[in-house]
PDB file of N, CA and C in Angstrom:
ATOM      1  N   MET A   1      14.435  26.387  22.775  1.00  0.00           N
ATOM      2  CA  MET A   1      13.982  24.772  22.976  1.00  0.00           C
ATOM      3  C   MET A   1      12.937  24.433  22.260  1.00  0.00           C
ATOM      4  N   ALA A   2      12.258  25.068  21.534  1.00  0.00           N
ATOM      5  CA  ALA A   2      10.842  24.679  20.496  1.00  0.00           C
ATOM      6  C   ALA A   2      11.788  24.327  19.526  1.00  0.00           C
ATOM      7  N   GLU A   3      12.788  24.955  18.977  1.00  0.00           N
ATOM      8  CA  GLU A   3      13.315  24.909  17.702  1.00  0.00           C
ATOM      9  C   GLU A   3      13.768  23.652  18.014  1.00  0.00           C
ATOM     10  N   MET A   4      14.555  23.339  18.916  1.00  0.00           N
ATOM     11  CA  MET A   4      14.929  21.959  19.039  1.00  0.00           C
ATOM     12  C   MET A   4      14.173  20.604  19.110  1.00  0.00           C
ATOM     13  N   ASP A   5      13.304  20.835  19.332  1.00  0.00           N
ATOM     14  CA  ASP A   5      12.308  20.164  19.431  1.00  0.00           C
ATOM     15  C   ASP A   5      11.860  19.510  18.003  1.00  0.00           C
ATOM     16  N   SER A   6      11.258  20.599  17.265  1.00  0.00           N
ATOM     17  CA  SER A   6      10.882  20.763  15.993  1.00  0.00           C
ATOM     18  C   SER A   6      12.032  20.185  15.158  1.00  0.00           C
ATOM     19  N   ALA A   7      13.313  20.750  15.685  1.00  0.00           N
ATOM     20  CA  ALA A   7      14.407  19.883  14.755  1.00  0.00           C
ATOM     21  C   ALA A   7      14.544  18.250  14.608  1.00  0.00           C
ATOM     22  N   GLU A   8      14.137  17.881  16.094  1.00  0.00           N
ATOM     23  CA  GLU A   8      14.382  16.676  16.393  1.00  0.00           C
ATOM     24  C   GLU A   8      13.052  15.735  15.827  1.00  0.00           C
ATOM     25  N   ALA A   9      11.809  16.208  15.613  1.00  0.00           N
ATOM     26  CA  ALA A   9      10.733  15.612  15.085  1.00  0.00           C
ATOM     27  C   ALA A   9      11.198  15.539  13.643  1.00  0.00           C
ATOM     28  N   VAL A  10      12.392  16.546  13.040  1.00  0.00           N
ATOM     29  CA  VAL A  10      12.129  16.099  11.433  1.00  0.00           C
ATOM     30  C   VAL A  10      13.041  15.250  11.495  1.00  0.00           C
ATOM     31  N   GLN A  11      13.899  14.872  12.317  1.00  0.00           N
ATOM     32  CA  GLN A  11      14.857  14.235  11.727  1.00  0.00           C
ATOM     33  C   GLN A  11      14.525  12.631  12.469  1.00  0.00           C
ATOM     34  N   SER A  12      13.446  12.625  13.151  1.00  0.00           N
ATOM     35  CA  SER A  12      12.699  11.136  13.475  1.00  0.00           C
ATOM     36  C   SER A  12      11.892  10.651  12.392  1.00  0.00           C
ATOM     37  N   LYS A  13      11.336  11.992  12.060  1.00  0.00           N
ATOM     38  CA  LYS A  13      10.497  11.629  10.341  1.00  0.00           C
ATOM     39  C   LYS A  13      11.250  11.572   9.342  1.00  0.00           C
ATOM     40  N   ILE A  14      12.379  12.299   9.041  1.00  0.00           N
ATOM     41  CA  ILE A  14      13.570  11.328   8.151  1.00  0.00           C
ATOM     42  C   ILE A  14      13.916  10.012   8.184  1.00  0.00           C
ATOM     43  N   SER A  15      14.246  10.025   9.788  1.00  0.00           N
ATOM     44  CA  SER A  15      15.049   8.400  10.071  1.00  0.00           C
ATOM     45  C   SER A  15      14.035   7.538   9.971  1.00  0.00           C
ATOM     46  N   THR A  16      12.221   7.870  10.159  1.00  0.00           N
ATOM     47  CA  THR A  16      11.231   7.099  10.127  1.00  0.00           C
ATOM     48  C   THR A  16      11.515   6.542   8.334  1.00  0.00           C
ATOM     49  N   THR A  17      11.278   7.775   7.710  1.00  0.00           N
ATOM     50  CA  THR A  17      10.912   7.439   6.476  1.00  0.00           C
ATOM     51  C   THR A  17      12.375   6.584   5.792  1.00  0.00           C
ATOM     52  N   ASP A  18      13.123   6.560   5.852  1.00  0.00           N
ATOM     53  CA  ASP A  18      14.493   6.135   5.558  1.00  0.00           C
ATOM     54  C   ASP A  18      14.361   5.058   5.929  1.00  0.00           C
ATOM     55  N   ARG A  19      13.864   4.338   7.248  1.00  0.00           N
ATOM     56  CA  ARG A  19      13.519   3.224   7.934  1.00  0.00           C
ATOM     57  C   ARG A  19      12.485   2.282   7.150  1.00  0.00           C
ATOM     58  N   ILE A  20      11.676   2.826   6.682  1.00  0.00           N
ATOM     59  CA  ILE A  20      10.373   2.669   5.684  1.00  0.00           C
ATOM     60  C   ILE A  20      10.858   1.899   4.787  1.00  0.00           C
ATOM     61  N   GLU A  21      12.202   2.829   3.610  1.00  0.00           N
ATOM     62  CA  GLU A  21      12.230   2.240   2.716  1.00  0.00           C
ATOM     63  C   GLU A  21      12.820   1.568   2.611  1.00  0.00           C
ATOM     64  N   VAL A  22      14.061   1.260   3.570  1.00  0.00           N
ATOM     65  CA  VAL A  22      14.972   0.050   4.047  1.00  0.00           C
ATOM     66  C   VAL A  22      14.027  -1.494   3.944  1.00  0.00           C
ATOM     67  N   LEU A  23      12.774  -1.031   4.701  1.00  0.00           N
ATOM     68  CA  LEU A  23      12.315  -2.272   4.951  1.00  0.00           C
ATOM     69  C   LEU A  23      11.519  -2.785   3.851  1.00  0.00           C
ATOM     70  N   LYS A  24      11.010  -1.861   3.116  1.00  0.00           N
ATOM     71  CA  LYS A  24      10.240  -2.517   1.814  1.00  0.00           C
ATOM     72  C   LYS A  24      11.151  -2.930   1.126  1.00  0.00           C
ATOM     73  N   GLN A  25      12.588  -2.352   0.724  1.00  0.00           N
ATOM     74  CA  GLN A  25      13.590  -2.840  -0.022  1.00  0.00           C
ATOM     75  C   GLN A  25      13.650  -4.347   0.378  1.00  0.00           C
ATOM     76  N   LYS A  26      13.971  -4.558   1.550  1.00  0.00           N
ATOM     77  CA  LYS A  26      14.230  -5.964   2.443  1.00  0.00           C
ATOM     78  C   LYS A  26      13.550  -6.374   2.152  1.00  0.00           C
ATOM     79  N   HIS A  27      11.777  -6.325   2.098  1.00  0.00           N
ATOM     80  CA  HIS A  27      10.714  -7.107   1.562  1.00  0.00           C
ATOM     81  C   HIS A  27      10.719  -7.812   0.402  1.00  0.00           C
ATOM     82  N   ALA A  28      10.865  -6.831  -0.272  1.00  0.00           N
ATOM     83  CA  ALA A  28      10.931  -7.183  -2.055  1.00  0.00           C
ATOM     84  C   ALA A  28      12.116  -8.017  -2.266  1.00  0.00           C
ATOM     85  N   SER A  29      13.253  -8.073  -1.630  1.00  0.00           N
ATOM     86  CA  SER A  29      14.311  -8.938  -1.756  1.00  0.00           C
ATOM     87  C   SER A  29      14.228 -10.380  -1.488  1.00  0.00           C
ATOM     88  N   LEU A  30      13.388 -10.280  -0.037  1.00  0.00           N
ATOM     89  CA  LEU A  30      12.869 -11.809   0.425  1.00  0.00           C
ATOM     90  C   LEU A  30      11.774 -12.371  -0.446  1.00  0.00           C
ATOM     91  N   GLU A  31      10.779 -11.630  -0.882  1.00  0.00           N
ATOM     92  CA  GLU A  31      10.020 -11.954  -1.676  1.00  0.00           C
ATOM     93  C   GLU A  31      10.819 -12.725  -2.967  1.00  0.00           C
ATOM     94  N   THR A  32      11.599 -12.015  -3.701  1.00  0.00           N
ATOM     95  CA  THR A  32      12.559 -12.780  -4.942  1.00  0.00           C
ATOM     96  C   THR A  32      13.089 -13.882  -4.433  1.00  0.00           C
ATOM     97  N   ALA A  33      13.839 -13.536  -3.040  1.00  0.00           N
ATOM     98  CA  ALA A  33      14.470 -15.278  -2.660  1.00  0.00           C
ATOM     99  C   ALA A  33      13.595 -16.061  -2.583  1.00  0.00           C
ATOM    100  N   LEU A  34      12.084 -16.089  -1.920  1.00  0.00           N
ATOM    101  CA  LEU A  34      11.292 -17.025  -1.980  1.00  0.00           C
ATOM    102  C   LEU A  34      10.441 -17.436  -3.031  1.00  0.00           C
ATOM    103  N   GLU A  35      10.068 -16.641  -4.241  1.00  0.00           N
ATOM    104  CA  GLU A  35       9.904 -16.990  -5.584  1.00  0.00           C
ATOM    105  C   GLU A  35      11.241 -18.382  -5.811  1.00  0.00           C
ATOM    106  N   ASP A  36      12.437 -17.401  -5.884  1.00  0.00           N
ATOM    107  CA  ASP A  36      13.443 -18.531  -6.217  1.00  0.00           C
ATOM    108  C   ASP A  36      13.452 -20.125  -5.798  1.00  0.00           C
ATOM    109  N   GLU A  37      13.361 -20.064  -4.665  1.00  0.00           N
ATOM    110  CA  GLU A  37      13.115 -21.402  -3.588  1.00  0.00           C
ATOM    111  C   GLU A  37      11.929 -21.894  -4.264  1.00  0.00           C
ATOM    112  N   ASN A  38      11.067 -21.313  -4.402  1.00  0.00           N
ATOM    113  CA  ASN A  38       9.441 -22.115  -5.033  1.00  0.00           C
ATOM    114  C   ASN A  38       9.969 -22.609  -6.112  1.00  0.00           C
ATOM    115  N   ASN A  39      10.768 -21.775  -6.840  1.00  0.00           N
ATOM    116  CA  ASN A  39      10.762 -22.342  -8.428  1.00  0.00           C
ATOM    117  C   ASN A  39      11.515 -23.601  -8.187  1.00  0.00           C
ATOM    118  N   ARG A  40      12.354 -23.792  -7.229  1.00  0.00           N
ATOM    119  CA  ARG A  40      13.424 -24.752  -7.417  1.00  0.00           C
ATOM    120  C   ARG A  40      12.670 -26.248  -7.750  1.00  0.00           C
ATOM    121  N   PRO A  41      13.476 -27.305  -8.449  1.00  0.00           N
ATOM    122  CA  PRO A  41      12.472 -28.677  -8.524  1.00  0.00           C
ATOM    123  C   PRO A  41      12.318 -29.029  -6.875  1.00  0.00           C
ATOM    124  N   MET A  42      12.895 -28.882  -5.852  1.00  0.00           N
ATOM    125  CA  MET A  42      12.708 -29.570  -4.620  1.00  0.00           C
ATOM    126  C   MET A  42      13.248 -28.433  -3.489  1.00  0.00           C
ATOM    127  N   PRO A  43      11.859 -27.480  -3.299  1.00  0.00           N
ATOM    128  CA  PRO A  43      12.286 -26.139  -2.504  1.00  0.00           C
ATOM    129  C   PRO A  43      12.156 -26.762  -0.887  1.00  0.00           C
ATOM    130  N   ASP A  44      13.019 -26.049  -0.390  1.00  0.00           N
ATOM    131  CA  ASP A  44      13.443 -26.636   0.895  1.00  0.00           C
ATOM    132  C   ASP A  44      12.672 -25.850   1.959  1.00  0.00           C
ATOM    133  N   SER A  45      11.407 -26.862   2.515  1.00  0.00           N
ATOM    134  CA  SER A  45      10.033 -26.228   3.401  1.00  0.00           C
ATOM    135  C   SER A  45      10.779 -25.385   4.729  1.00  0.00           C
ATOM    136  N   SER A  46      11.713 -25.540   4.832  1.00  0.00           N
ATOM    137  CA  SER A  46      12.615 -24.444   6.212  1.00  0.00           C
ATOM    138  C   SER A  46      13.297 -23.537   5.723  1.00  0.00           C
ATOM    139  N   VAL A  47      13.692 -23.101   3.920  1.00  0.00           N
ATOM    140  CA  VAL A  47      14.335 -22.085   3.824  1.00  0.00           C
ATOM    141  C   VAL A  47      12.698 -21.475   3.674  1.00  0.00           C
ATOM    142  N   VAL A  48      11.514 -21.725   3.124  1.00  0.00           N
ATOM    143  CA  VAL A  48      10.700 -21.241   3.023  1.00  0.00           C
ATOM    144  C   VAL A  48       9.680 -20.734   4.005  1.00  0.00           C
ATOM    145  N   VAL A  49       9.875 -21.290   5.165  1.00  0.00           N
ATOM    146  CA  VAL A  49       9.195 -21.096   6.087  1.00  0.00           C
ATOM    147  C   VAL A  49       9.968 -19.845   6.790  1.00  0.00           C
ATOM    148  N   ASN A  50      11.273 -20.080   6.795  1.00  0.00           N
ATOM    149  CA  ASN A  50      11.949 -18.716   7.256  1.00  0.00           C
ATOM    150  C   ASN A  50      12.065 -17.262   6.316  1.00  0.00           C
ATOM    151  N   LEU A  51      11.646 -17.629   5.634  1.00  0.00           N
ATOM    152  CA  LEU A  51      11.713 -16.474   4.155  1.00  0.00           C
ATOM    153  C   LEU A  51      10.467 -15.961   4.562  1.00  0.00           C
ATOM    154  N   LYS A  52       9.329 -16.757   4.756  1.00  0.00           N
ATOM    155  CA  LYS A  52       7.988 -16.357   5.133  1.00  0.00           C
ATOM    156  C   LYS A  52       7.667 -15.565   6.694  1.00  0.00           C
ATOM    157  N   ARG A  53       8.440 -16.241   7.326  1.00  0.00           N
ATOM    158  CA  ARG A  53       8.557 -15.466   8.884  1.00  0.00           C
ATOM    159  C   ARG A  53       9.502 -14.232   8.556  1.00  0.00           C
ATOM    160  N   GLU A  54      10.491 -13.736   8.200  1.00  0.00           N
ATOM    161  CA  GLU A  54      11.204 -12.942   7.780  1.00  0.00           C
ATOM    162  C   GLU A  54      10.185 -11.617   7.256  1.00  0.00           C
ATOM    163  N   LYS A  55       9.509 -12.160   5.827  1.00  0.00           N
ATOM    164  CA  LYS A  55       8.434 -11.385   5.327  1.00  0.00           C
ATOM    165  C   LYS A  55       7.474 -10.642   6.486  1.00  0.00           C
ATOM    166  N   LEU A  56       7.007 -11.475   7.056  1.00  0.00           N
ATOM    167  CA  LEU A  56       5.838 -11.382   7.818  1.00  0.00           C
ATOM    168  C   LEU A  56       6.432 -10.184   8.746  1.00  0.00           C
ATOM    169  N   ALA A  57       7.527 -10.373   9.550  1.00  0.00           N
ATOM    170  CA  ALA A  57       8.072  -9.810  10.937  1.00  0.00           C
ATOM    171  C   ALA A  57       8.528  -8.364  10.016  1.00  0.00           C
ATOM    172  N   ILE A  58       8.783  -8.047   8.836  1.00  0.00           N
ATOM    173  CA  ILE A  58       8.873  -7.114   8.160  1.00  0.00           C
ATOM    174  C   ILE A  58       7.371  -5.951   7.674  1.00  0.00           C
ATOM    175  N   LYS A  59       6.743  -7.122   7.321  1.00  0.00           N
ATOM    176  CA  LYS A  59       5.400  -6.164   7.238  1.00  0.00           C
ATOM    177  C   LYS A  59       4.765  -5.574   8.223  1.00  0.00           C
ATOM    178  N   ASP A  60       4.784  -6.603   9.774  1.00  0.00           N
ATOM    179  CA  ASP A  60       4.278  -6.115  10.737  1.00  0.00           C
ATOM    180  C   ASP A  60       5.114  -4.583  11.348  1.00  0.00           C
ATOM    181  N   GLU A  61       6.657  -4.916  11.261  1.00  0.00           N
ATOM    182  CA  GLU A  61       7.219  -3.388  11.471  1.00  0.00           C
ATOM    183  C   GLU A  61       6.976  -2.508  10.712  1.00  0.00           C
ATOM    184  N   LEU A  62       6.704  -2.567   9.188  1.00  0.00           N
ATOM    185  CA  LEU A  62       6.132  -1.588   8.529  1.00  0.00           C
ATOM    186  C   LEU A  62       4.813  -0.864   8.779  1.00  0.00           C
ATOM    187  N   GLN A  63       3.618  -1.940   9.162  1.00  0.00           N
ATOM    188  CA  GLN A  63       2.476  -1.397   9.337  1.00  0.00           C
ATOM    189  C   GLN A  63       2.466  -0.132  11.039  1.00  0.00           C
ATOM    190  N   ARG A  64       3.558  -0.971  11.798  1.00  0.00           N
ATOM    191  CA  ARG A  64       3.790  -0.258  13.101  1.00  0.00           C
ATOM    192  C   ARG A  64       4.237   0.863  12.846  1.00  0.00           C
ATOM    193  N   LEU A  65       5.382   1.290  11.756  1.00  0.00           N
ATOM    194  CA  LEU A  65       5.800   2.770  11.273  1.00  0.00           C
ATOM    195  C   LEU A  65       4.740   3.439  10.935  1.00  0.00           C
ATOM    196  N   ASP A  66       4.253   2.870  10.182  1.00  0.00           N
ATOM    197  CA  ASP A  66       2.767   3.551   9.523  1.00  0.00           C
ATOM    198  C   ASP A  66       2.037   4.148  10.096  1.00  0.00           C
ATOM    199  N   THR A  67       1.578   3.575  11.426  1.00  0.00           N
ATOM    200  CA  THR A  67       1.035   3.912  12.145  1.00  0.00           C
ATOM    201  C   THR A  67       1.576   4.990  13.328  1.00  0.00           C
ATOM    202  N   ALA A  68       2.757   4.936  13.749  1.00  0.00           N
ATOM    203  CA  ALA A  68       3.246   6.087  14.094  1.00  0.00           C
ATOM    204  C   ALA A  68       3.611   7.695  13.940  1.00  0.00           C
TER     205      ALA A  68
END
């Protein structure tokens, strides 16, 4: 039973690590999209707000996962 618990812990750690990497990639992608939008002649403020909101949600989740 103890082996199963440690195996589950390892799997959970791998899953968390993978999740963190995916979130970091998504955060970088949103940063690029935000820069692109802001570099347009007339940036759409609603798009900018939504991109910033998504980035913040990802940042919050990354911090939560990092402290877990």
